[in-house]
């Protein structure tokens, strides 16, 4: 599968609420996915600049022709790392490796229950006159993903 197809697949999944996808282009350009709890981010621009930033601000990126740091111009190569004075590391690598880091991180947050919404959390059932039994029951309402206008209700009697 081409790299851009993998990017589109990553950015089109349904994630838990802490994950936010920024931009609305369906072609995979200018897209970012962000973990709002710790700042981990993956970003892609024009299928050429890929960036993955972890929660410690370390950065993995595709290799640019050059970059300037502390008024010096650097010409990085694939596999090289630069560490700033504050300890943050920039690692220059291929777009496939950057994408793989993003996939490994964000796949933990795919919401397999996307579309399911709790309607009622607790119901009480009573048996006989003298006995009282409390049963906790979770009812879920969900929409079928393939048909937007179909509502399906699940209940147990």
N, C-alpha and C. Protein backbone atom coordinates (compact mmCIF):
# COMPACT_ATOMS: atom_id res chain seq x y z
N UNK A 1 0.85 -1.18 0.00
CA UNK A 1 0.00 0.00 0.00
C UNK A 1 0.89 1.24 0.00
N UNK A 2 0.52 2.22 -0.80
CA UNK A 2 1.30 3.45 -0.85
C UNK A 2 1.22 4.18 0.47
N UNK A 3 2.24 4.97 0.73
CA UNK A 3 2.31 5.70 1.99
C UNK A 3 1.12 6.63 2.17
N UNK A 4 0.73 7.35 1.13
CA UNK A 4 -0.39 8.29 1.27
C UNK A 4 -1.68 7.55 1.59
N UNK A 5 -1.85 6.35 1.06
CA UNK A 5 -3.04 5.55 1.38
C UNK A 5 -3.04 5.16 2.86
N UNK A 6 -1.87 4.85 3.39
CA UNK A 6 -1.77 4.52 4.82
C UNK A 6 -2.10 5.75 5.68
N UNK A 7 -1.68 6.92 5.22
CA UNK A 7 -1.99 8.16 5.94
C UNK A 7 -3.50 8.38 5.96
N UNK A 8 -4.13 8.22 4.81
CA UNK A 8 -5.59 8.41 4.72
C UNK A 8 -6.30 7.41 5.62
N UNK A 9 -5.83 6.17 5.63
CA UNK A 9 -6.43 5.15 6.50
C UNK A 9 -6.28 5.52 7.97
N UNK A 10 -5.09 5.97 8.36
CA UNK A 10 -4.85 6.37 9.75
C UNK A 10 -5.76 7.52 10.16
N UNK A 11 -5.91 8.50 9.28
CA UNK A 11 -6.67 9.70 9.62
C UNK A 11 -8.18 9.55 9.44
N UNK A 12 -8.63 8.44 8.88
CA UNK A 12 -10.06 8.26 8.67
C UNK A 12 -10.70 7.32 9.69
N UNK A 13 -9.91 6.79 10.60
CA UNK A 13 -10.46 5.91 11.64
C UNK A 13 -11.20 6.74 12.68
N UNK A 14 -12.05 6.09 13.44
CA UNK A 14 -12.79 6.73 14.52
C UNK A 14 -12.02 6.46 15.81
N UNK A 15 -11.64 7.53 16.50
CA UNK A 15 -10.83 7.42 17.70
C UNK A 15 -11.61 7.82 18.94
N UNK A 16 -11.06 7.45 20.08
CA UNK A 16 -11.65 7.87 21.35
C UNK A 16 -11.55 9.38 21.46
N UNK A 17 -12.30 9.95 22.38
CA UNK A 17 -12.47 11.41 22.42
C UNK A 17 -11.18 12.19 22.66
N UNK A 18 -10.16 11.59 23.21
CA UNK A 18 -8.93 12.34 23.46
C UNK A 18 -8.12 12.59 22.19
N UNK A 19 -8.46 11.91 21.10
CA UNK A 19 -7.75 12.06 19.84
C UNK A 19 -8.53 12.99 18.91
N UNK A 20 -7.84 13.99 18.37
CA UNK A 20 -8.48 14.97 17.49
C UNK A 20 -7.77 14.97 16.14
N UNK A 21 -8.56 14.97 15.08
CA UNK A 21 -8.00 15.07 13.74
C UNK A 21 -8.26 16.48 13.24
N UNK A 22 -7.19 17.14 12.81
CA UNK A 22 -7.29 18.53 12.37
C UNK A 22 -7.23 18.59 10.85
N UNK A 23 -8.09 19.39 10.23
CA UNK A 23 -8.23 19.56 8.80
C UNK A 23 -9.38 18.70 8.31
N UNK A 24 -9.84 19.00 7.12
CA UNK A 24 -10.93 18.23 6.58
C UNK A 24 -10.69 17.79 5.14
N UNK A 25 -9.46 17.78 4.71
CA UNK A 25 -9.14 17.34 3.36
C UNK A 25 -9.20 15.82 3.30
N UNK A 26 -9.91 15.29 2.32
CA UNK A 26 -10.01 13.84 2.19
C UNK A 26 -8.82 13.24 1.46
N UNK A 27 -7.97 14.06 0.87
CA UNK A 27 -6.85 13.54 0.10
C UNK A 27 -5.60 13.29 0.94
N UNK A 28 -5.62 13.59 2.22
CA UNK A 28 -4.49 13.29 3.10
C UNK A 28 -3.46 14.38 3.20
N UNK A 29 -3.66 15.51 2.51
CA UNK A 29 -2.68 16.60 2.59
C UNK A 29 -3.06 17.55 3.71
N UNK A 30 -2.08 18.15 4.35
CA UNK A 30 -2.28 19.11 5.44
C UNK A 30 -3.14 18.51 6.55
N UNK A 31 -2.80 17.37 7.02
CA UNK A 31 -3.59 16.72 8.07
C UNK A 31 -2.73 16.51 9.29
N UNK A 32 -3.39 16.57 10.44
CA UNK A 32 -2.72 16.30 11.71
C UNK A 32 -3.66 15.49 12.58
N UNK A 33 -3.07 14.67 13.41
CA UNK A 33 -3.83 13.93 14.41
C UNK A 33 -3.13 14.18 15.74
N UNK A 34 -3.91 14.54 16.76
CA UNK A 34 -3.36 15.03 18.02
C UNK A 34 -3.97 14.30 19.20
N UNK A 35 -3.12 13.88 20.13
CA UNK A 35 -3.59 13.35 21.41
C UNK A 35 -3.69 14.56 22.34
N UNK A 36 -4.91 14.94 22.68
CA UNK A 36 -5.12 16.16 23.46
C UNK A 36 -4.71 16.01 24.92
N UNK A 37 -4.47 14.80 25.39
CA UNK A 37 -4.06 14.61 26.79
C UNK A 37 -2.57 14.89 27.00
N UNK A 38 -1.73 14.49 26.02
CA UNK A 38 -0.29 14.65 26.25
C UNK A 38 0.46 15.36 25.12
N UNK A 39 -0.25 15.79 24.07
CA UNK A 39 0.39 16.56 23.01
C UNK A 39 1.07 15.75 21.93
N UNK A 40 0.99 14.43 21.97
CA UNK A 40 1.57 13.62 20.91
C UNK A 40 0.86 13.95 19.60
N UNK A 41 1.64 14.11 18.51
CA UNK A 41 1.06 14.58 17.27
C UNK A 41 1.72 13.94 16.07
N UNK A 42 0.92 13.69 15.04
CA UNK A 42 1.43 13.28 13.73
C UNK A 42 0.87 14.26 12.72
N UNK A 43 1.73 14.73 11.82
CA UNK A 43 1.29 15.71 10.83
C UNK A 43 1.92 15.37 9.48
N UNK A 44 1.16 15.59 8.42
CA UNK A 44 1.67 15.35 7.07
C UNK A 44 1.26 16.52 6.18
N UNK A 45 2.19 16.94 5.32
CA UNK A 45 1.91 18.01 4.36
C UNK A 45 2.39 17.59 2.98
N UNK A 46 1.48 17.63 2.03
CA UNK A 46 1.80 17.33 0.62
C UNK A 46 2.51 16.00 0.41
N UNK A 47 2.28 15.04 1.26
CA UNK A 47 2.90 13.72 1.14
C UNK A 47 4.43 13.81 1.05
N UNK A 48 5.01 14.87 1.62
CA UNK A 48 6.47 14.97 1.58
C UNK A 48 7.06 15.29 2.95
N UNK A 49 6.36 16.07 3.76
CA UNK A 49 6.85 16.40 5.10
C UNK A 49 6.02 15.63 6.12
N UNK A 50 6.64 14.70 6.79
CA UNK A 50 5.98 13.89 7.81
C UNK A 50 6.64 14.20 9.15
N UNK A 51 5.83 14.45 10.17
CA UNK A 51 6.36 14.78 11.49
C UNK A 51 5.60 13.99 12.54
N UNK A 52 6.33 13.38 13.46
CA UNK A 52 5.73 12.75 14.63
C UNK A 52 6.41 13.32 15.86
N UNK A 53 5.62 13.89 16.78
CA UNK A 53 6.15 14.48 18.01
C UNK A 53 5.57 13.70 19.18
N UNK A 54 6.43 13.22 20.07
CA UNK A 54 5.93 12.47 21.22
C UNK A 54 5.62 13.40 22.39
N UNK A 55 5.19 12.82 23.49
CA UNK A 55 4.76 13.62 24.65
C UNK A 55 5.92 14.34 25.33
N UNK A 56 7.16 13.95 25.02
CA UNK A 56 8.34 14.62 25.59
C UNK A 56 8.92 15.66 24.63
N UNK A 57 8.17 16.00 23.59
CA UNK A 57 8.55 17.00 22.59
C UNK A 57 9.63 16.52 21.62
N UNK A 58 10.07 15.25 21.72
CA UNK A 58 11.03 14.73 20.75
C UNK A 58 10.33 14.61 19.40
N UNK A 59 11.09 14.81 18.33
CA UNK A 59 10.51 14.93 17.01
C UNK A 59 11.19 13.99 16.03
N UNK A 60 10.38 13.26 15.24
CA UNK A 60 10.87 12.46 14.14
C UNK A 60 10.30 13.08 12.88
N UNK A 61 11.13 13.34 11.92
CA UNK A 61 10.66 14.03 10.71
C UNK A 61 11.39 13.52 9.48
N UNK A 62 10.75 13.73 8.33
CA UNK A 62 11.44 13.43 7.09
C UNK A 62 12.61 14.40 6.96
N UNK A 63 13.60 14.01 6.23
CA UNK A 63 14.85 14.77 6.17
C UNK A 63 14.72 15.98 5.25
N UNK A 64 14.88 17.19 5.79
CA UNK A 64 14.85 18.39 4.94
C UNK A 64 16.21 18.59 4.26
N UNK A 65 16.26 19.48 3.29
CA UNK A 65 17.54 19.79 2.65
C UNK A 65 18.48 20.44 3.65
N UNK A 66 17.92 21.33 4.48
CA UNK A 66 18.72 21.99 5.51
C UNK A 66 17.79 22.57 6.56
N UNK A 67 18.37 22.90 7.71
CA UNK A 67 17.62 23.62 8.74
C UNK A 67 18.60 24.48 9.53
N UNK A 68 18.09 25.51 10.16
CA UNK A 68 18.93 26.44 10.92
C UNK A 68 18.63 26.27 12.40
N UNK A 69 19.71 26.12 13.18
CA UNK A 69 19.58 26.01 14.63
C UNK A 69 20.74 26.78 15.25
N UNK A 70 20.45 27.68 16.18
CA UNK A 70 21.47 28.54 16.80
C UNK A 70 22.29 29.28 15.76
N UNK A 71 21.62 29.84 14.78
CA UNK A 71 22.25 30.61 13.71
C UNK A 71 23.25 29.81 12.89
N UNK A 72 23.18 28.49 12.93
CA UNK A 72 24.03 27.64 12.10
C UNK A 72 23.13 26.85 11.16
N UNK A 73 23.62 26.65 9.95
CA UNK A 73 22.87 25.88 8.97
C UNK A 73 23.37 24.43 8.99
N UNK A 74 22.43 23.49 9.11
CA UNK A 74 22.76 22.07 9.14
C UNK A 74 22.16 21.39 7.92
N UNK A 75 22.86 20.35 7.44
CA UNK A 75 22.40 19.55 6.30
C UNK A 75 22.26 18.11 6.78
N UNK A 76 21.11 17.78 7.35
CA UNK A 76 20.97 16.44 7.93
C UNK A 76 20.81 15.36 6.87
N UNK A 77 21.15 14.14 7.27
CA UNK A 77 20.95 12.96 6.43
C UNK A 77 20.06 11.98 7.19
N UNK A 78 19.48 11.05 6.47
CA UNK A 78 18.61 10.05 7.08
C UNK A 78 19.39 9.30 8.16
N UNK A 79 18.80 9.20 9.33
CA UNK A 79 19.42 8.50 10.45
C UNK A 79 20.14 9.41 11.43
N UNK A 80 20.35 10.66 11.07
CA UNK A 80 21.04 11.58 11.98
C UNK A 80 20.08 12.13 13.02
N UNK A 81 20.64 12.47 14.18
CA UNK A 81 19.88 13.08 15.27
C UNK A 81 20.57 14.36 15.70
N UNK A 82 19.76 15.33 16.10
CA UNK A 82 20.27 16.56 16.68
C UNK A 82 19.56 16.75 18.01
N UNK A 83 20.33 17.03 19.05
CA UNK A 83 19.74 17.24 20.38
C UNK A 83 19.96 18.70 20.78
N UNK A 84 18.86 19.34 21.13
CA UNK A 84 18.94 20.73 21.57
C UNK A 84 19.49 20.80 22.99
N UNK A 85 19.81 22.00 23.42
CA UNK A 85 20.34 22.20 24.77
C UNK A 85 19.36 21.76 25.85
N UNK A 86 18.07 21.87 25.56
CA UNK A 86 17.06 21.47 26.55
C UNK A 86 16.76 19.98 26.53
N UNK A 87 17.49 19.21 25.72
CA UNK A 87 17.36 17.76 25.71
C UNK A 87 16.39 17.21 24.68
N UNK A 88 15.69 18.07 23.98
CA UNK A 88 14.75 17.60 22.96
C UNK A 88 15.53 17.15 21.73
N UNK A 89 15.17 15.96 21.22
CA UNK A 89 15.90 15.35 20.12
C UNK A 89 15.10 15.44 18.82
N UNK A 90 15.78 15.79 17.74
CA UNK A 90 15.20 15.76 16.40
C UNK A 90 15.86 14.60 15.66
N UNK A 91 15.04 13.67 15.20
CA UNK A 91 15.54 12.51 14.46
C UNK A 91 15.07 12.62 13.02
N UNK A 92 16.00 12.52 12.08
CA UNK A 92 15.67 12.62 10.66
C UNK A 92 15.63 11.23 10.07
N UNK A 93 14.52 10.91 9.43
CA UNK A 93 14.31 9.56 8.94
C UNK A 93 13.43 9.59 7.70
N UNK A 94 12.96 8.43 7.27
CA UNK A 94 12.10 8.35 6.09
C UNK A 94 10.64 8.54 6.48
N UNK A 95 9.82 8.89 5.50
CA UNK A 95 8.40 9.10 5.81
C UNK A 95 7.73 7.80 6.24
N UNK A 96 8.19 6.66 5.74
CA UNK A 96 7.61 5.37 6.14
C UNK A 96 7.85 5.10 7.63
N UNK A 97 9.04 5.43 8.11
CA UNK A 97 9.34 5.22 9.53
C UNK A 97 8.55 6.18 10.43
N UNK A 98 8.39 7.42 9.99
CA UNK A 98 7.60 8.39 10.76
C UNK A 98 6.15 7.93 10.83
N UNK A 99 5.62 7.49 9.70
CA UNK A 99 4.24 7.01 9.65
C UNK A 99 4.06 5.78 10.53
N UNK A 100 5.02 4.88 10.52
CA UNK A 100 4.93 3.67 11.35
C UNK A 100 4.88 4.02 12.84
N UNK A 101 5.67 4.99 13.26
CA UNK A 101 5.62 5.44 14.67
C UNK A 101 4.22 5.96 15.00
N UNK A 102 3.65 6.73 14.09
CA UNK A 102 2.31 7.29 14.32
C UNK A 102 1.26 6.18 14.38
N UNK A 103 1.33 5.23 13.48
CA UNK A 103 0.35 4.13 13.46
C UNK A 103 0.43 3.34 14.75
N UNK A 104 1.63 3.00 15.19
CA UNK A 104 1.81 2.23 16.43
C UNK A 104 1.24 2.99 17.61
N UNK A 105 1.46 4.30 17.67
CA UNK A 105 0.95 5.07 18.80
C UNK A 105 -0.57 5.21 18.76
N UNK A 106 -1.12 5.66 17.63
CA UNK A 106 -2.54 6.03 17.58
C UNK A 106 -3.48 4.83 17.47
N UNK A 107 -2.99 3.67 17.03
CA UNK A 107 -3.90 2.52 16.93
C UNK A 107 -4.41 2.07 18.30
N UNK A 108 -3.73 2.46 19.36
CA UNK A 108 -4.20 2.12 20.72
C UNK A 108 -5.49 2.85 21.06
N UNK A 109 -5.80 3.92 20.33
CA UNK A 109 -6.94 4.76 20.66
C UNK A 109 -8.11 4.63 19.68
N UNK A 110 -8.07 3.62 18.81
CA UNK A 110 -9.19 3.40 17.90
C UNK A 110 -10.39 2.97 18.72
N UNK A 111 -11.51 3.59 18.47
CA UNK A 111 -12.74 3.32 19.22
C UNK A 111 -13.54 2.24 18.51
N UNK A 112 -13.42 1.01 18.99
CA UNK A 112 -14.12 -0.11 18.36
C UNK A 112 -15.62 -0.04 18.60
N UNK A 113 -16.05 0.74 19.58
CA UNK A 113 -17.47 0.89 19.88
C UNK A 113 -18.02 2.21 19.36
N UNK A 114 -17.39 2.76 18.33
CA UNK A 114 -17.83 4.05 17.80
C UNK A 114 -19.29 3.96 17.38
N UNK A 115 -20.06 4.93 17.78
CA UNK A 115 -21.47 4.98 17.41
C UNK A 115 -22.39 4.46 18.49
N UNK A 116 -21.86 3.76 19.49
CA UNK A 116 -22.70 3.25 20.57
C UNK A 116 -22.83 4.33 21.62
N UNK A 117 -24.03 4.59 22.03
CA UNK A 117 -24.29 5.64 23.01
C UNK A 117 -25.17 5.05 24.11
N UNK A 118 -24.80 5.28 25.35
CA UNK A 118 -25.59 4.77 26.46
C UNK A 118 -26.86 5.60 26.58
N UNK A 119 -28.00 4.91 26.59
CA UNK A 119 -29.29 5.58 26.69
C UNK A 119 -29.71 5.67 28.14
N UNK A 120 -29.59 4.59 28.87
CA UNK A 120 -30.04 4.55 30.25
C UNK A 120 -29.06 3.68 31.02
N UNK A 121 -28.58 4.14 32.14
CA UNK A 121 -27.56 3.38 32.84
C UNK A 121 -28.11 2.38 33.83
N UNK A 122 -29.17 2.71 34.54
CA UNK A 122 -29.64 1.79 35.58
C UNK A 122 -31.16 1.71 35.56
N UNK A 123 -31.63 0.49 35.69
CA UNK A 123 -33.06 0.24 35.82
C UNK A 123 -33.27 -0.64 37.04
N UNK A 124 -34.39 -0.47 37.70
CA UNK A 124 -34.72 -1.32 38.84
C UNK A 124 -35.84 -2.26 38.45
N UNK A 125 -35.68 -3.52 38.80
CA UNK A 125 -36.72 -4.52 38.58
C UNK A 125 -37.15 -5.07 39.92
N UNK A 126 -38.42 -5.27 40.09
CA UNK A 126 -38.95 -5.78 41.36
C UNK A 126 -39.62 -7.12 41.11
N UNK A 127 -39.34 -8.07 42.00
CA UNK A 127 -39.97 -9.39 41.93
C UNK A 127 -40.82 -9.59 43.17
N UNK A 128 -42.00 -10.13 42.99
CA UNK A 128 -42.93 -10.40 44.08
C UNK A 128 -43.18 -9.13 44.89
N UNK A 129 -43.91 -9.29 45.97
CA UNK A 129 -44.19 -8.13 46.81
C UNK A 129 -43.14 -7.95 47.90
N UNK A 130 -42.66 -9.04 48.42
CA UNK A 130 -41.76 -8.95 49.56
C UNK A 130 -40.29 -8.88 49.15
N UNK A 131 -39.97 -9.35 47.96
CA UNK A 131 -38.57 -9.36 47.52
C UNK A 131 -38.29 -8.15 46.64
N UNK A 132 -37.12 -7.66 46.79
CA UNK A 132 -36.70 -6.52 45.98
C UNK A 132 -35.31 -6.85 45.45
N UNK A 133 -35.17 -6.93 44.15
CA UNK A 133 -33.89 -7.24 43.54
C UNK A 133 -33.47 -6.07 42.66
N UNK A 134 -32.27 -5.64 42.85
CA UNK A 134 -31.75 -4.53 42.06
C UNK A 134 -30.82 -5.11 41.00
N UNK A 135 -31.08 -4.75 39.76
CA UNK A 135 -30.26 -5.23 38.65
C UNK A 135 -29.74 -4.01 37.90
N UNK A 136 -28.45 -3.95 37.72
CA UNK A 136 -27.86 -2.88 36.91
C UNK A 136 -27.84 -3.33 35.46
N UNK A 137 -28.37 -2.53 34.60
CA UNK A 137 -28.47 -2.89 33.20
C UNK A 137 -28.05 -1.71 32.35
N UNK A 138 -27.15 -1.95 31.44
CA UNK A 138 -26.73 -0.90 30.51
C UNK A 138 -27.43 -1.12 29.18
N UNK A 139 -28.16 -0.15 28.73
CA UNK A 139 -28.79 -0.20 27.42
C UNK A 139 -28.00 0.69 26.49
N UNK A 140 -27.80 0.23 25.28
CA UNK A 140 -27.03 0.99 24.31
C UNK A 140 -27.88 1.27 23.08
N UNK A 141 -27.70 2.44 22.53
CA UNK A 141 -28.32 2.81 21.26
C UNK A 141 -27.18 3.03 20.28
N UNK A 142 -27.28 2.47 19.11
CA UNK A 142 -26.21 2.69 18.15
C UNK A 142 -26.78 2.82 16.75
N UNK A 143 -26.00 3.47 15.91
CA UNK A 143 -26.37 3.61 14.51
C UNK A 143 -25.50 2.67 13.69
N UNK A 144 -26.11 2.05 12.72
CA UNK A 144 -25.36 1.19 11.83
C UNK A 144 -24.47 2.11 10.98
N UNK A 145 -23.20 1.76 10.87
CA UNK A 145 -22.25 2.64 10.19
C UNK A 145 -22.53 2.77 8.69
N UNK A 146 -23.01 1.71 8.07
CA UNK A 146 -23.17 1.74 6.62
C UNK A 146 -24.40 2.51 6.18
N UNK A 147 -25.41 2.61 7.02
CA UNK A 147 -26.64 3.29 6.65
C UNK A 147 -26.91 4.39 7.66
N UNK A 148 -26.67 5.62 7.27
CA UNK A 148 -26.79 6.75 8.18
C UNK A 148 -28.19 6.92 8.75
N UNK A 149 -29.21 6.54 8.01
CA UNK A 149 -30.57 6.80 8.45
C UNK A 149 -31.18 5.63 9.23
N UNK A 150 -30.43 4.58 9.47
CA UNK A 150 -30.95 3.43 10.19
C UNK A 150 -30.57 3.52 11.65
N UNK A 151 -31.55 3.55 12.52
CA UNK A 151 -31.31 3.50 13.96
C UNK A 151 -31.61 2.09 14.43
N UNK A 152 -30.74 1.56 15.24
CA UNK A 152 -30.96 0.24 15.81
C UNK A 152 -30.90 0.36 17.31
N UNK A 153 -31.86 -0.21 17.97
CA UNK A 153 -31.91 -0.17 19.42
C UNK A 153 -31.72 -1.57 19.97
N UNK A 154 -30.90 -1.70 20.97
CA UNK A 154 -30.67 -2.98 21.60
C UNK A 154 -31.27 -2.93 22.99
N UNK A 155 -32.09 -3.91 23.31
CA UNK A 155 -32.64 -3.97 24.67
C UNK A 155 -32.82 -5.43 25.05
N UNK A 156 -32.78 -5.68 26.32
CA UNK A 156 -32.97 -7.02 26.86
C UNK A 156 -34.15 -6.99 27.80
N UNK A 157 -35.09 -7.88 27.60
CA UNK A 157 -36.29 -7.94 28.46
C UNK A 157 -36.25 -9.18 29.33
